Amino acid sequence: MTRPRRPIRRACLATALLLPVLAAAAEDKAAQPTGDAPAFRGGSSFVETFSTLGDRRWYISDGWVNGEFQNCTWSRQRVQIPTSGELTLTLADSPYKDRTFSCAEIQTKERYGYGTYEVRMRAGAASGLVSAFFTYNGPEDGDRRTNDEIDFEFLGKDTKGVQLNYFTGGTGQHETIENLGFDAATTMADYALEWLPDRIRWSVNGRLLREVRALPDKPIPSHPGKIMLSLWMGQGADFVSWLGPASYPGRPITATFERVAFTKLGDPCGFKGSIVCR
């Protein structure tokens, strides 16, 4: 389903197309940098364990919404570190601006390119809800060819699966739902996104969920993007058909993040247990 796009610094709703997987064993090796695609540039490797949430790396969305399809307003009050090493994003029935609910999003100030993106998280659960970890560039200077995006989206109506998506140049309608084998809302788990010049790979706890290969007529993203974490709820007929009807359980809903890391292509792994250490 095609869903509305938002300006840069706003949360995404992506879809993804599964491209054929080539069987040659040689192609299972990590791609080496060639050419001058913008995604060879981008920010440096880092590991964030959320002892604090300073202004150096993160921007906290506050006081606006992505569109009529979003039934909550981003609020910095919904972004907390209750204990060192644990970031929580919460949706609550606390009115803010013109929405009945308030919700949460953070994003890096810098954009990052080819490499490995890793998160350790537990999703929120409720019909109509989305917990997301993704990269998003958006159209720079109105140029939609830069509107690239790669996603993990946990749909609160069924958190035993995850939606894996990507957009290239603003073109999507490419989603798949992958079974996790556990409930993402009750289990803290490690998710990894490997973005290489010729492929994208999504994994959970080191297990490959999906791989997409670039083809001449089916390119993959090539522009560096911001790293986004968000928790929000949708509204409207199109979004109800995707997310299910919004259903607030009478108490705040929380997604929890213990670590976010980026390892630039070619850099060594940054922490024990990283998929880059294999």
C-alpha atoms as a PDB file:
ATOM      1  CA  MET A   1       0.000   0.000   0.000  1.00  0.00           C
ATOM      2  CA  THR A   2       1.298   3.442  -0.865  1.00  0.00           C
ATOM      3  CA  ARG A   3       1.284   5.688   2.181  1.00  0.00           C
ATOM      4  CA  PRO A   4       1.896   9.448   2.470  1.00  0.00           C
ATOM      5  CA  ARG A   5       5.485  10.669   2.670  1.00  0.00           C
ATOM      6  CA  ARG A   6       6.650  13.255   5.145  1.00  0.00           C
ATOM      7  CA  PRO A   7       9.282  16.001   5.128  1.00  0.00           C
ATOM      8  CA  ILE A   8      12.786  15.206   6.396  1.00  0.00           C
ATOM      9  CA  ARG A   9      12.989  14.725  10.185  1.00  0.00           C
ATOM     10  CA  ARG A  10       9.569  13.119  10.165  1.00  0.00           C
ATOM     11  CA  ALA A  11       8.766   9.470  10.763  1.00  0.00           C
ATOM     12  CA  CYS A  12       8.381   7.162   7.836  1.00  0.00           C
ATOM     13  CA  LEU A  13       5.907   4.605   6.633  1.00  0.00           C
ATOM     14  CA  ALA A  14       7.751   2.501   4.114  1.00  0.00           C
ATOM     15  CA  THR A  15       7.029  -0.571   1.990  1.00  0.00           C
ATOM     16  CA  ALA A  16       9.500  -3.048   0.463  1.00  0.00           C
ATOM     17  CA  LEU A  17      10.063  -5.208  -2.635  1.00  0.00           C
ATOM     18  CA  LEU A  18      11.821  -8.535  -2.259  1.00  0.00           C
ATOM     19  CA  LEU A  19      14.389  -8.904  -5.035  1.00  0.00           C
ATOM     20  CA  PRO A  20      15.717 -12.273  -6.218  1.00  0.00           C
ATOM     21  CA  VAL A  21      18.519 -13.722  -4.100  1.00  0.00           C
ATOM     22  CA  LEU A  22      21.503 -14.817  -6.205  1.00  0.00           C
ATOM     23  CA  ALA A  23      22.805 -18.208  -5.234  1.00  0.00           C
ATOM     24  CA  ALA A  24      26.508 -17.916  -6.056  1.00  0.00           C
ATOM     25  CA  ALA A  25      28.557 -18.392  -2.917  1.00  0.00           C
ATOM     26  CA  ALA A  26      30.937 -15.621  -3.894  1.00  0.00           C
ATOM     27  CA  GLU A  27      28.100 -13.139  -3.701  1.00  0.00           C
ATOM     28  CA  ASP A  28      27.580 -13.919  -0.031  1.00  0.00           C
ATOM     29  CA  LYS A  29      30.730 -11.916   0.732  1.00  0.00           C
ATOM     30  CA  ALA A  30      30.312  -8.317   1.833  1.00  0.00           C
ATOM     31  CA  ALA A  31      30.408  -5.886  -1.084  1.00  0.00           C
ATOM     32  CA  GLN A  32      33.454  -3.657  -1.341  1.00  0.00           C
ATOM     33  CA  PRO A  33      33.124   0.075  -1.994  1.00  0.00           C
ATOM     34  CA  THR A  34      33.093   0.995  -5.668  1.00  0.00           C
ATOM     35  CA  GLY A  35      31.868   4.123  -7.387  1.00  0.00           C
ATOM     36  CA  ASP A  36      30.899   7.415  -5.799  1.00  0.00           C
ATOM     37  CA  ALA A  37      27.354   6.913  -4.480  1.00  0.00           C
ATOM     38  CA  PRO A  38      26.569   9.411  -1.695  1.00  0.00           C
ATOM     39  CA  ALA A  39      26.119   6.575   0.813  1.00  0.00           C
ATOM     40  CA  PHE A  40      29.874   5.902   0.738  1.00  0.00           C
ATOM     41  CA  ARG A  41      30.024   9.087   2.734  1.00  0.00           C
ATOM     42  CA  GLY A  42      28.094   9.775   5.917  1.00  0.00           C
ATOM     43  CA  GLY A  43      28.749   9.741   9.642  1.00  0.00           C
ATOM     44  CA  SER A  44      31.290   7.727  11.606  1.00  0.00           C
ATOM     45  CA  SER A  45      30.763   4.524  13.573  1.00  0.00           C
ATOM     46  CA  PHE A  46      29.271   4.822  17.069  1.00  0.00           C
ATOM     47  CA  VAL A  47      27.690   2.799  19.881  1.00  0.00           C
ATOM     48  CA  GLU A  48      24.912   4.470  21.913  1.00  0.00           C
ATOM     49  CA  THR A  49      23.949   2.844  25.225  1.00  0.00           C
ATOM     50  CA  PHE A  50      21.712   5.654  26.524  1.00  0.00           C
ATOM     51  CA  SER A  51      23.371   6.634  29.762  1.00  0.00           C
ATOM     52  CA  THR A  52      22.145  10.124  28.832  1.00  0.00           C
ATOM     53  CA  LEU A  53      20.428  11.636  25.805  1.00  0.00           C
ATOM     54  CA  GLY A  54      22.509  14.663  24.928  1.00  0.00           C
ATOM     55  CA  ASP A  55      22.071  17.185  22.141  1.00  0.00           C
ATOM     56  CA  ARG A  56      25.297  16.208  20.403  1.00  0.00           C
ATOM     57  CA  ARG A  57      23.915  13.167  18.561  1.00  0.00           C
ATOM     58  CA  TRP A  58      20.120  13.178  18.967  1.00  0.00           C
ATOM     59  CA  TYR A  59      17.240  15.465  18.046  1.00  0.00           C
ATOM     60  CA  ILE A  60      13.972  14.916  19.967  1.00  0.00           C
ATOM     61  CA  SER A  61      10.815  15.568  17.953  1.00  0.00           C
ATOM     62  CA  ASP A  62       8.379  17.837  19.791  1.00  0.00           C
ATOM     63  CA  GLY A  63       5.172  19.720  19.069  1.00  0.00           C
ATOM     64  CA  TRP A  64       4.219  18.518  15.586  1.00  0.00           C
ATOM     65  CA  VAL A  65       2.683  15.598  13.692  1.00  0.00           C
ATOM     66  CA  ASN A  66       3.456  13.931  10.378  1.00  0.00           C
ATOM     67  CA  GLY A  67      -0.022  14.379   8.950  1.00  0.00           C
ATOM     68  CA  GLU A  68      -3.701  13.626   9.434  1.00  0.00           C
ATOM     69  CA  PHE A  69      -2.940   9.890   9.551  1.00  0.00           C
ATOM     70  CA  GLN A  70      -1.084  10.295  12.884  1.00  0.00           C
ATOM     71  CA  ASN A  71      -3.353  10.492  15.931  1.00  0.00           C
ATOM     72  CA  CYS A  72      -0.664  11.612  18.393  1.00  0.00           C
ATOM     73  CA  THR A  73       1.651  14.626  18.685  1.00  0.00           C
ATOM     74  CA  TRP A  74       5.400  14.128  19.118  1.00  0.00           C
ATOM     75  CA  SER A  75       6.354  15.149  22.665  1.00  0.00           C
ATOM     76  CA  ARG A  76       9.764  15.323  24.293  1.00  0.00           C
ATOM     77  CA  GLN A  77       7.999  14.445  27.549  1.00  0.00           C
ATOM     78  CA  ARG A  78       7.377  10.967  26.142  1.00  0.00           C
ATOM     79  CA  VAL A  79      11.149  10.395  25.689  1.00  0.00           C
ATOM     80  CA  GLN A  80      12.800   9.229  28.913  1.00  0.00           C
ATOM     81  CA  ILE A  81      15.831   7.419  30.331  1.00  0.00           C
ATOM     82  CA  PRO A  82      14.322   6.010  33.552  1.00  0.00           C
ATOM     83  CA  THR A  83      17.537   4.128  34.340  1.00  0.00           C
ATOM     84  CA  SER A  84      20.970   4.389  32.749  1.00  0.00           C
ATOM     85  CA  GLY A  85      21.170   2.155  29.694  1.00  0.00           C
ATOM     86  CA  GLU A  86      17.453   2.209  28.921  1.00  0.00           C
ATOM     87  CA  LEU A  87      15.654   4.628  26.610  1.00  0.00           C
ATOM     88  CA  THR A  88      11.840   4.542  26.611  1.00  0.00           C
ATOM     89  CA  LEU A  89       9.494   5.995  24.006  1.00  0.00           C
ATOM     90  CA  THR A  90       5.908   6.178  25.228  1.00  0.00           C
ATOM     91  CA  LEU A  91       2.437   6.788  23.823  1.00  0.00           C
ATOM     92  CA  ALA A  92       0.010   8.159  26.422  1.00  0.00           C
ATOM     93  CA  ASP A  93      -3.493   9.610  26.579  1.00  0.00           C
ATOM     94  CA  SER A  94      -2.046  13.019  27.446  1.00  0.00           C
ATOM     95  CA  PRO A  95      -3.436  15.598  24.993  1.00  0.00           C
ATOM     96  CA  TYR A  96      -0.841  17.744  23.221  1.00  0.00           C
ATOM     97  CA  LYS A  97      -1.566  20.423  20.642  1.00  0.00           C
ATOM     98  CA  ASP A  98      -4.547  19.179  18.573  1.00  0.00           C
ATOM     99  CA  ARG A  99      -4.186  15.452  19.300  1.00  0.00           C
ATOM    100  CA  THR A 100      -5.712  13.406  22.105  1.00  0.00           C
ATOM    101  CA  PHE A 101      -2.535  11.352  22.480  1.00  0.00           C
ATOM    102  CA  SER A 102       1.155  12.220  22.720  1.00  0.00           C
ATOM    103  CA  CYS A 103       3.939   9.964  21.387  1.00  0.00           C
ATOM    104  CA  ALA A 104       7.679   9.889  20.853  1.00  0.00           C
ATOM    105  CA  GLU A 105      10.441  10.030  18.245  1.00  0.00           C
ATOM    106  CA  ILE A 106      14.183  10.665  18.272  1.00  0.00           C
ATOM    107  CA  GLN A 107      16.531  10.923  15.307  1.00  0.00           C
ATOM    108  CA  THR A 108      20.226  11.456  14.761  1.00  0.00           C
ATOM    109  CA  LYS A 109      21.322  14.899  13.700  1.00  0.00           C
ATOM    110  CA  GLU A 110      23.833  13.376  11.292  1.00  0.00           C
ATOM    111  CA  ARG A 111      23.176  11.102   8.322  1.00  0.00           C
ATOM    112  CA  TYR A 112      24.819   7.690   7.951  1.00  0.00           C
ATOM    113  CA  GLY A 113      25.540   5.612   4.860  1.00  0.00           C
ATOM    114  CA  TYR A 114      26.677   2.096   3.976  1.00  0.00           C
ATOM    115  CA  GLY A 115      27.355  -0.084   6.985  1.00  0.00           C
ATOM    116  CA  THR A 116      25.601  -2.046   9.720  1.00  0.00           C
ATOM    117  CA  TYR A 117      22.828  -0.600  11.877  1.00  0.00           C
ATOM    118  CA  GLU A 118      21.991  -2.454  15.090  1.00  0.00           C
ATOM    119  CA  VAL A 119      19.400  -1.975  17.809  1.00  0.00           C
ATOM    120  CA  ARG A 120      18.534  -3.869  20.965  1.00  0.00           C
ATOM    121  CA  MET A 121      14.885  -3.173  21.695  1.00  0.00           C
ATOM    122  CA  ARG A 122      11.464  -4.305  22.839  1.00  0.00           C
ATOM    123  CA  ALA A 123       8.440  -3.061  20.870  1.00  0.00           C
ATOM    124  CA  GLY A 124       5.126  -1.689  22.105  1.00  0.00           C
ATOM    125  CA  ALA A 125       1.890  -3.646  21.610  1.00  0.00           C
ATOM    126  CA  ALA A 126      -1.577  -2.313  20.737  1.00  0.00           C
ATOM    127  CA  SER A 127      -3.746  -2.281  17.641  1.00  0.00           C
ATOM    128  CA  GLY A 128      -3.008   0.788  15.535  1.00  0.00           C
ATOM    129  CA  LEU A 129       0.510   1.202  16.963  1.00  0.00           C
ATOM    130  CA  VAL A 130       3.930   1.247  15.220  1.00  0.00           C
ATOM    131  CA  SER A 131       7.342   0.873  16.908  1.00  0.00           C
ATOM    132  CA  ALA A 132      10.081   1.637  14.383  1.00  0.00           C
ATOM    133  CA  PHE A 133      13.847   1.574  13.849  1.00  0.00           C
ATOM    134  CA  PHE A 134      14.884   2.882  10.439  1.00  0.00           C
ATOM    135  CA  THR A 135      17.088   5.108   8.305  1.00  0.00           C
ATOM    136  CA  TYR A 136      15.461   7.998   6.467  1.00  0.00           C
ATOM    137  CA  ASN A 137      16.974  10.644   4.236  1.00  0.00           C
ATOM    138  CA  GLY A 138      13.943  12.363   2.736  1.00  0.00           C
ATOM    139  CA  PRO A 139      13.863  14.623  -0.316  1.00  0.00           C
ATOM    140  CA  GLU A 140      16.724  17.091  -0.071  1.00  0.00           C
ATOM    141  CA  ASP A 141      15.965  20.502  -1.598  1.00  0.00           C
ATOM    142  CA  GLY A 142      12.775  19.010  -3.022  1.00  0.00           C
ATOM    143  CA  ASP A 143      14.649  16.303  -4.956  1.00  0.00           C
ATOM    144  CA  ARG A 144      12.694  13.070  -4.404  1.00  0.00           C
ATOM    145  CA  ARG A 145      15.538  11.013  -5.902  1.00  0.00           C
ATOM    146  CA  THR A 146      17.273  11.359  -2.527  1.00  0.00           C
ATOM    147  CA  ASN A 147      14.184  10.109  -0.647  1.00  0.00           C
ATOM    148  CA  ASP A 148      15.666   6.802   0.532  1.00  0.00           C
ATOM    149  CA  GLU A 149      14.613   4.738   3.528  1.00  0.00           C
ATOM    150  CA  ILE A 150      15.183   1.290   5.091  1.00  0.00           C
ATOM    151  CA  ASP A 151      12.987   0.008   7.919  1.00  0.00           C
ATOM    152  CA  PHE A 152      12.171  -2.306  10.770  1.00  0.00           C
ATOM    153  CA  GLU A 153       8.509  -1.629  11.643  1.00  0.00           C
ATOM    154  CA  PHE A 154       6.775  -3.528  14.457  1.00  0.00           C
ATOM    155  CA  LEU A 155       3.002  -3.410  14.056  1.00  0.00           C
ATOM    156  CA  GLY A 156       1.404  -3.434  17.492  1.00  0.00           C
ATOM    157  CA  LYS A 157      -1.527  -5.561  16.350  1.00  0.00           C
ATOM    158  CA  ASP A 158       0.794  -8.574  15.908  1.00  0.00           C
ATOM    159  CA  THR A 159       4.239  -8.300  17.460  1.00  0.00           C
ATOM    160  CA  LYS A 160       5.232 -11.877  16.639  1.00  0.00           C
ATOM    161  CA  GLY A 161       6.275 -10.588  13.215  1.00  0.00           C
ATOM    162  CA  VAL A 162       8.094  -7.563  11.828  1.00  0.00           C
ATOM    163  CA  GLN A 163       7.543  -5.556   8.650  1.00  0.00           C
ATOM    164  CA  LEU A 164      10.735  -5.026   6.620  1.00  0.00           C
ATOM    165  CA  ASN A 165      10.713  -2.222   4.073  1.00  0.00           C
ATOM    166  CA  TYR A 166      12.755   0.093   1.909  1.00  0.00           C
ATOM    167  CA  PHE A 167      12.154   3.094  -0.334  1.00  0.00           C
ATOM    168  CA  THR A 168      14.399   4.157  -3.214  1.00  0.00           C
ATOM    169  CA  GLY A 169      13.957   7.640  -4.608  1.00  0.00           C
ATOM    170  CA  GLY A 170      10.532   7.861  -2.987  1.00  0.00           C
ATOM    171  CA  THR A 171       9.332   4.650  -4.655  1.00  0.00           C
ATOM    172  CA  GLY A 172       8.048   1.918  -2.393  1.00  0.00           C
ATOM    173  CA  GLN A 173       5.083  -0.456  -2.231  1.00  0.00           C
ATOM    174  CA  HIS A 174       7.601  -3.144  -1.276  1.00  0.00           C
ATOM    175  CA  GLU A 175       6.688  -4.630   2.102  1.00  0.00           C
ATOM    176  CA  THR A 176       7.167  -8.071   3.601  1.00  0.00           C
ATOM    177  CA  ILE A 177       6.147  -9.417   7.007  1.00  0.00           C
ATOM    178  CA  GLU A 178       8.645 -11.845   8.550  1.00  0.00           C
ATOM    179  CA  ASN A 179       7.960 -14.216  11.425  1.00  0.00           C
ATOM    180  CA  LEU A 180      10.227 -13.639  14.426  1.00  0.00           C
ATOM    181  CA  GLY A 181       9.569 -16.849  16.336  1.00  0.00           C
ATOM    182  CA  PHE A 182       8.910 -14.825  19.513  1.00  0.00           C
ATOM    183  CA  ASP A 183       6.880 -11.833  20.687  1.00  0.00           C
ATOM    184  CA  ALA A 184       8.806  -8.587  20.068  1.00  0.00           C
ATOM    185  CA  ALA A 185       6.692  -6.818  22.721  1.00  0.00           C
ATOM    186  CA  THR A 186       7.746  -9.151  25.535  1.00  0.00           C
ATOM    187  CA  THR A 187      11.287 -10.048  24.417  1.00  0.00           C
ATOM    188  CA  MET A 188      14.334  -7.783  24.330  1.00  0.00           C
ATOM    189  CA  ALA A 189      16.063  -8.737  21.061  1.00  0.00           C
ATOM    190  CA  ASP A 190      18.886  -7.672  18.743  1.00  0.00           C
ATOM    191  CA  TYR A 191      17.972  -6.454  15.252  1.00  0.00           C
ATOM    192  CA  ALA A 192      20.526  -5.672  12.543  1.00  0.00           C
ATOM    193  CA  LEU A 193      20.304  -3.960   9.188  1.00  0.00           C
ATOM    194  CA  GLU A 194      23.283  -4.409   6.846  1.00  0.00           C
ATOM    195  CA  TRP A 195      23.219  -1.817   4.066  1.00  0.00           C
ATOM    196  CA  LEU A 196      25.823  -2.581   1.403  1.00  0.00           C
ATOM    197  CA  PRO A 197      26.315  -1.152  -2.099  1.00  0.00           C
ATOM    198  CA  ASP A 198      24.687  -4.186  -3.730  1.00  0.00           C
ATOM    199  CA  ARG A 199      22.264  -5.513  -1.100  1.00  0.00           C
ATOM    200  CA  ILE A 200      20.299  -5.017   2.116  1.00  0.00           C
ATOM    201  CA  ARG A 201      20.128  -7.677   4.828  1.00  0.00           C
ATOM    202  CA  TRP A 202      17.794  -7.691   7.850  1.00  0.00           C
ATOM    203  CA  SER A 203      18.557 -10.006  10.811  1.00  0.00           C
ATOM    204  CA  VAL A 204      17.256 -10.806  14.288  1.00  0.00           C
ATOM    205  CA  ASN A 205      19.535 -12.254  16.995  1.00  0.00           C
ATOM    206  CA  GLY A 206      22.038 -13.073  14.239  1.00  0.00           C
ATOM    207  CA  ARG A 207      19.481 -14.940  12.102  1.00  0.00           C
ATOM    208  CA  LEU A 208      18.910 -13.638   8.593  1.00  0.00           C
ATOM    209  CA  LEU A 209      15.287 -12.660   8.005  1.00  0.00           C
ATOM    210  CA  ARG A 210      15.520 -11.220   4.522  1.00  0.00           C
ATOM    211  CA  GLU A 211      17.979 -10.182   1.828  1.00  0.00           C
ATOM    212  CA  VAL A 212      17.386  -7.862  -1.130  1.00  0.00           C
ATOM    213  CA  ARG A 213      19.863  -7.586  -4.015  1.00  0.00           C
ATOM    214  CA  ALA A 214      20.173  -4.570  -6.275  1.00  0.00           C
ATOM    215  CA  LEU A 215      19.432  -5.081  -9.964  1.00  0.00           C
ATOM    216  CA  PRO A 216      19.975  -2.623 -12.834  1.00  0.00           C
ATOM    217  CA  ASP A 217      16.234  -1.916 -13.045  1.00  0.00           C
ATOM    218  CA  LYS A 218      15.583  -2.285  -9.305  1.00  0.00           C
ATOM    219  CA  PRO A 219      18.042  -0.114  -7.364  1.00  0.00           C
ATOM    220  CA  ILE A 220      18.342  -0.022  -3.605  1.00  0.00           C
ATOM    221  CA  PRO A 221      18.850   3.122  -1.485  1.00  0.00           C
ATOM    222  CA  SER A 222      22.093   5.023  -2.076  1.00  0.00           C
ATOM    223  CA  HIS A 223      21.721   8.243  -0.047  1.00  0.00           C
ATOM    224  CA  PRO A 224      22.747   8.487   3.629  1.00  0.00           C
ATOM    225  CA  GLY A 225      19.926   8.858   6.123  1.00  0.00           C
ATOM    226  CA  LYS A 226      19.197   9.772   9.697  1.00  0.00           C
ATOM    227  CA  ILE A 227      18.711   6.965  12.206  1.00  0.00           C
ATOM    228  CA  MET A 228      15.179   7.153  13.575  1.00  0.00           C
ATOM    229  CA  LEU A 229      13.463   5.568  16.597  1.00  0.00           C
ATOM    230  CA  SER A 230       9.736   6.154  16.996  1.00  0.00           C
ATOM    231  CA  LEU A 231       6.512   5.005  18.618  1.00  0.00           C
ATOM    232  CA  TRP A 232       3.204   6.330  17.265  1.00  0.00           C
ATOM    233  CA  MET A 233      -0.397   5.416  16.466  1.00  0.00           C
ATOM    234  CA  GLY A 234      -2.302   5.894  13.205  1.00  0.00           C
ATOM    235  CA  GLN A 235      -5.823   6.873  12.252  1.00  0.00           C
ATOM    236  CA  GLY A 236      -7.976   7.030   9.110  1.00  0.00           C
ATOM    237  CA  ALA A 237      -9.321   4.301   6.830  1.00  0.00           C
ATOM    238  CA  ASP A 238      -6.066   3.619   4.930  1.00  0.00           C
ATOM    239  CA  PHE A 239      -4.062   3.292   8.109  1.00  0.00           C
ATOM    240  CA  VAL A 240      -6.662   1.211   9.905  1.00  0.00           C
ATOM    241  CA  SER A 241      -6.479  -1.312   7.047  1.00  0.00           C
ATOM    242  CA  TRP A 242      -2.703  -1.498   7.599  1.00  0.00           C
ATOM    243  CA  LEU A 243      -2.299  -1.113  11.359  1.00  0.00           C
ATOM    244  CA  GLY A 244      -5.721  -2.094  12.654  1.00  0.00           C
ATOM    245  CA  PRO A 245      -8.049   0.287  14.530  1.00  0.00           C
ATOM    246  CA  ALA A 246      -6.419   2.381  17.242  1.00  0.00           C
ATOM    247  CA  SER A 247      -6.993   0.740  20.609  1.00  0.00           C
ATOM    248  CA  TYR A 248      -5.560   2.391  23.713  1.00  0.00           C
ATOM    249  CA  PRO A 249      -5.366  -0.103  26.615  1.00  0.00           C
ATOM    250  CA  GLY A 250      -5.998   2.512  29.305  1.00  0.00           C
ATOM    251  CA  ARG A 251      -2.349   2.844  30.275  1.00  0.00           C
ATOM    252  CA  PRO A 252       0.793   4.232  28.556  1.00  0.00           C
ATOM    253  CA  ILE A 253       2.404   2.006  25.925  1.00  0.00           C
ATOM    254  CA  THR A 254       6.190   1.873  25.837  1.00  0.00           C
ATOM    255  CA  ALA A 255       8.929   0.742  23.468  1.00  0.00           C
ATOM    256  CA  THR A 256      12.316   0.245  25.138  1.00  0.00           C
ATOM    257  CA  PHE A 257      15.779   0.591  23.587  1.00  0.00           C
ATOM    258  CA  GLU A 258      19.006  -0.525  25.260  1.00  0.00           C
ATOM    259  CA  ARG A 259      21.468   0.087  22.450  1.00  0.00           C
ATOM    260  CA  VAL A 260      21.760   1.631  18.993  1.00  0.00           C
ATOM    261  CA  ALA A 261      24.952   1.213  16.983  1.00  0.00           C
ATOM    262  CA  PHE A 262      26.257   2.064  13.535  1.00  0.00           C
ATOM    263  CA  THR A 263      29.387   0.459  12.063  1.00  0.00           C
ATOM    264  CA  LYS A 264      30.573   2.144   8.897  1.00  0.00           C
ATOM    265  CA  LEU A 265      31.394  -0.195   6.008  1.00  0.00           C
ATOM    266  CA  GLY A 266      34.964  -1.425   6.479  1.00  0.00           C
ATOM    267  CA  ASP A 267      35.241  -0.493  10.192  1.00  0.00           C
ATOM    268  CA  PRO A 268      35.770  -3.137  12.913  1.00  0.00           C
ATOM    269  CA  CYS A 269      32.874  -4.171  15.149  1.00  0.00           C
ATOM    270  CA  GLY A 270      32.171  -1.743  17.947  1.00  0.00           C
ATOM    271  CA  PHE A 271      30.821  -3.973  20.728  1.00  0.00           C
ATOM    272  CA  LYS A 272      30.810  -7.591  21.839  1.00  0.00           C
ATOM    273  CA  GLY A 273      27.956  -9.438  20.186  1.00  0.00           C
ATOM    274  CA  SER A 274      27.742  -7.173  17.158  1.00  0.00           C
ATOM    275  CA  ILE A 275      26.840  -8.958  13.945  1.00  0.00           C
ATOM    276  CA  VAL A 276      29.911  -7.269  12.439  1.00  0.00           C
ATOM    277  CA  CYS A 277      32.118  -9.409  14.727  1.00  0.00           C
ATOM    278  CA  ARG A 278      31.159 -12.631  12.931  1.00  0.00           C
END
